[in-house]
């Protein structure tokens, strides 16, 4: 695991967690490695393919704040911060843009997903 080739340094690592853990299943593989050019729209399509939602029903949010990638977030009972630390992302945003705006997060972006219109309780 110490060996990192030049290509892998360009990839963006992220974790996807569900905000709606009661009615939507968690993803089988919440840890993803994707290209910097991947858009939020494509990520919505991925979540839709893995769940019972349609792509246009999926909302992706950036988990902001002092959270580090190595924190023990549970996919079944995620410890999501309060709503003012969640930023709703637009479909045209890319992973590269998110990574640049979250320079404090070293290894993983932490993104949450939910059905549009759902309010976190």
Protein backbone atom coordinates (compact mmCIF):
# COMPACT_ATOMS: atom_id res chain seq x y z
CA UNK A 1 0.00 0.00 0.00
CA UNK A 2 2.98 2.34 0.20
CA UNK A 3 3.36 2.30 -3.57
CA UNK A 4 1.37 5.01 -5.34
CA UNK A 5 1.69 5.44 -9.07
CA UNK A 6 1.33 8.80 -10.78
CA UNK A 7 -2.11 7.96 -12.18
CA UNK A 8 -3.64 7.15 -8.78
CA UNK A 9 -2.60 10.53 -7.40
CA UNK A 10 -4.98 12.13 -9.88
CA UNK A 11 -7.95 10.09 -8.68
CA UNK A 12 -10.31 11.48 -6.07
CA UNK A 13 -11.30 9.25 -3.16
CA UNK A 14 -14.67 9.77 -1.55
CA UNK A 15 -17.12 8.19 0.83
CA UNK A 16 -20.87 8.28 0.17
CA UNK A 17 -23.22 8.02 3.14
CA UNK A 18 -27.01 8.05 3.23
CA UNK A 19 -28.91 10.70 5.16
CA UNK A 20 -32.08 8.64 4.88
CA UNK A 21 -30.94 5.45 6.58
CA UNK A 22 -34.46 4.23 7.44
CA UNK A 23 -36.02 3.91 4.00
CA UNK A 24 -33.07 3.86 1.62
CA UNK A 25 -30.42 1.13 1.75
CA UNK A 26 -26.82 2.08 2.20
CA UNK A 27 -24.53 1.53 -0.75
CA UNK A 28 -22.72 -1.79 -0.99
CA UNK A 29 -19.50 0.08 -1.67
CA UNK A 30 -19.59 3.51 -0.02
CA UNK A 31 -15.89 4.16 -0.76
CA UNK A 32 -15.26 5.22 -4.34
CA UNK A 33 -12.30 6.30 -6.40
CA UNK A 34 -13.21 8.50 -9.34
CA UNK A 35 -11.76 10.82 -11.93
CA UNK A 36 -11.51 14.53 -11.09
CA UNK A 37 -13.80 15.28 -14.05
CA UNK A 38 -16.69 13.23 -12.60
CA UNK A 39 -19.73 15.45 -12.07
CA UNK A 40 -22.29 15.42 -9.28
CA UNK A 41 -24.86 14.53 -11.95
CA UNK A 42 -22.94 11.32 -12.71
CA UNK A 43 -22.67 10.58 -9.00
CA UNK A 44 -26.47 10.96 -8.71
CA UNK A 45 -26.81 8.41 -11.52
CA UNK A 46 -24.49 6.03 -9.64
CA UNK A 47 -26.53 6.36 -6.42
CA UNK A 48 -29.77 5.85 -8.36
CA UNK A 49 -28.37 2.68 -9.93
CA UNK A 50 -27.48 1.36 -6.46
CA UNK A 51 -30.80 2.31 -4.82
CA UNK A 52 -34.50 2.44 -5.68
CA UNK A 53 -34.33 6.15 -6.54
CA UNK A 54 -34.30 7.81 -9.95
CA UNK A 55 -31.24 9.97 -10.74
CA UNK A 56 -33.34 13.16 -10.69
CA UNK A 57 -34.57 12.28 -7.17
CA UNK A 58 -31.04 12.06 -5.72
CA UNK A 59 -29.50 15.01 -3.91
CA UNK A 60 -25.78 15.00 -3.07
CA UNK A 61 -24.41 17.07 -0.20
CA UNK A 62 -20.86 17.88 0.81
CA UNK A 63 -20.14 17.17 4.48
CA UNK A 64 -18.17 20.22 5.57
CA UNK A 65 -16.45 21.11 8.78
CA UNK A 66 -13.57 19.77 10.84
CA UNK A 67 -14.25 16.15 9.97
CA UNK A 68 -11.27 14.10 8.92
CA UNK A 69 -11.41 11.26 6.43
CA UNK A 70 -10.28 8.71 8.99
CA UNK A 71 -13.18 9.38 11.39
CA UNK A 72 -15.28 6.32 12.05
CA UNK A 73 -18.40 7.18 10.07
CA UNK A 74 -20.84 4.29 10.09
CA UNK A 75 -22.77 3.79 6.87
CA UNK A 76 -25.75 2.44 8.83
CA UNK A 77 -25.76 5.18 11.48
CA UNK A 78 -23.67 8.01 10.09
CA UNK A 79 -22.65 10.74 12.47
CA UNK A 80 -23.64 13.59 10.21
CA UNK A 81 -22.98 17.09 11.46
CA UNK A 82 -25.76 19.63 11.88
CA UNK A 83 -27.44 20.95 8.73
CA UNK A 84 -25.33 24.10 8.47
CA UNK A 85 -22.33 21.84 7.82
CA UNK A 86 -23.99 20.23 4.79
CA UNK A 87 -23.77 21.94 1.41
CA UNK A 88 -26.15 20.91 -1.37
CA UNK A 89 -24.18 20.34 -4.56
CA UNK A 90 -25.23 21.20 -8.10
CA UNK A 91 -25.16 18.67 -10.93
CA UNK A 92 -22.46 20.44 -12.94
CA UNK A 93 -19.94 20.57 -10.07
CA UNK A 94 -16.95 18.25 -10.44
CA UNK A 95 -14.91 16.23 -7.98
CA UNK A 96 -11.84 18.35 -8.81
CA UNK A 97 -13.72 21.52 -7.85
CA UNK A 98 -14.93 19.98 -4.59
CA UNK A 99 -11.47 18.71 -3.71
CA UNK A 100 -9.99 22.16 -4.34
CA UNK A 101 -12.59 23.83 -2.11
CA UNK A 102 -11.99 21.29 0.67
CA UNK A 103 -8.24 21.59 0.96
CA UNK A 104 -8.37 20.66 4.67
CA UNK A 105 -9.53 17.13 3.83
CA UNK A 106 -6.49 15.13 2.83
CA UNK A 107 -7.53 11.73 1.51
CA UNK A 108 -11.30 11.44 1.13
CA UNK A 109 -14.19 13.71 0.33
CA UNK A 110 -17.20 12.83 2.45
CA UNK A 111 -20.45 13.20 0.57
CA UNK A 112 -23.97 12.43 1.71
CA UNK A 113 -26.96 11.55 -0.43
CA UNK A 114 -30.70 11.67 0.13
CA UNK A 115 -33.95 11.83 -1.76
CA UNK A 116 -34.70 15.39 -2.86
CA UNK A 117 -37.16 17.11 -0.58
CA UNK A 118 -36.21 14.98 2.43
CA UNK A 119 -35.30 16.94 5.54
CA UNK A 120 -32.76 15.44 7.91
CA UNK A 121 -34.35 14.62 11.26
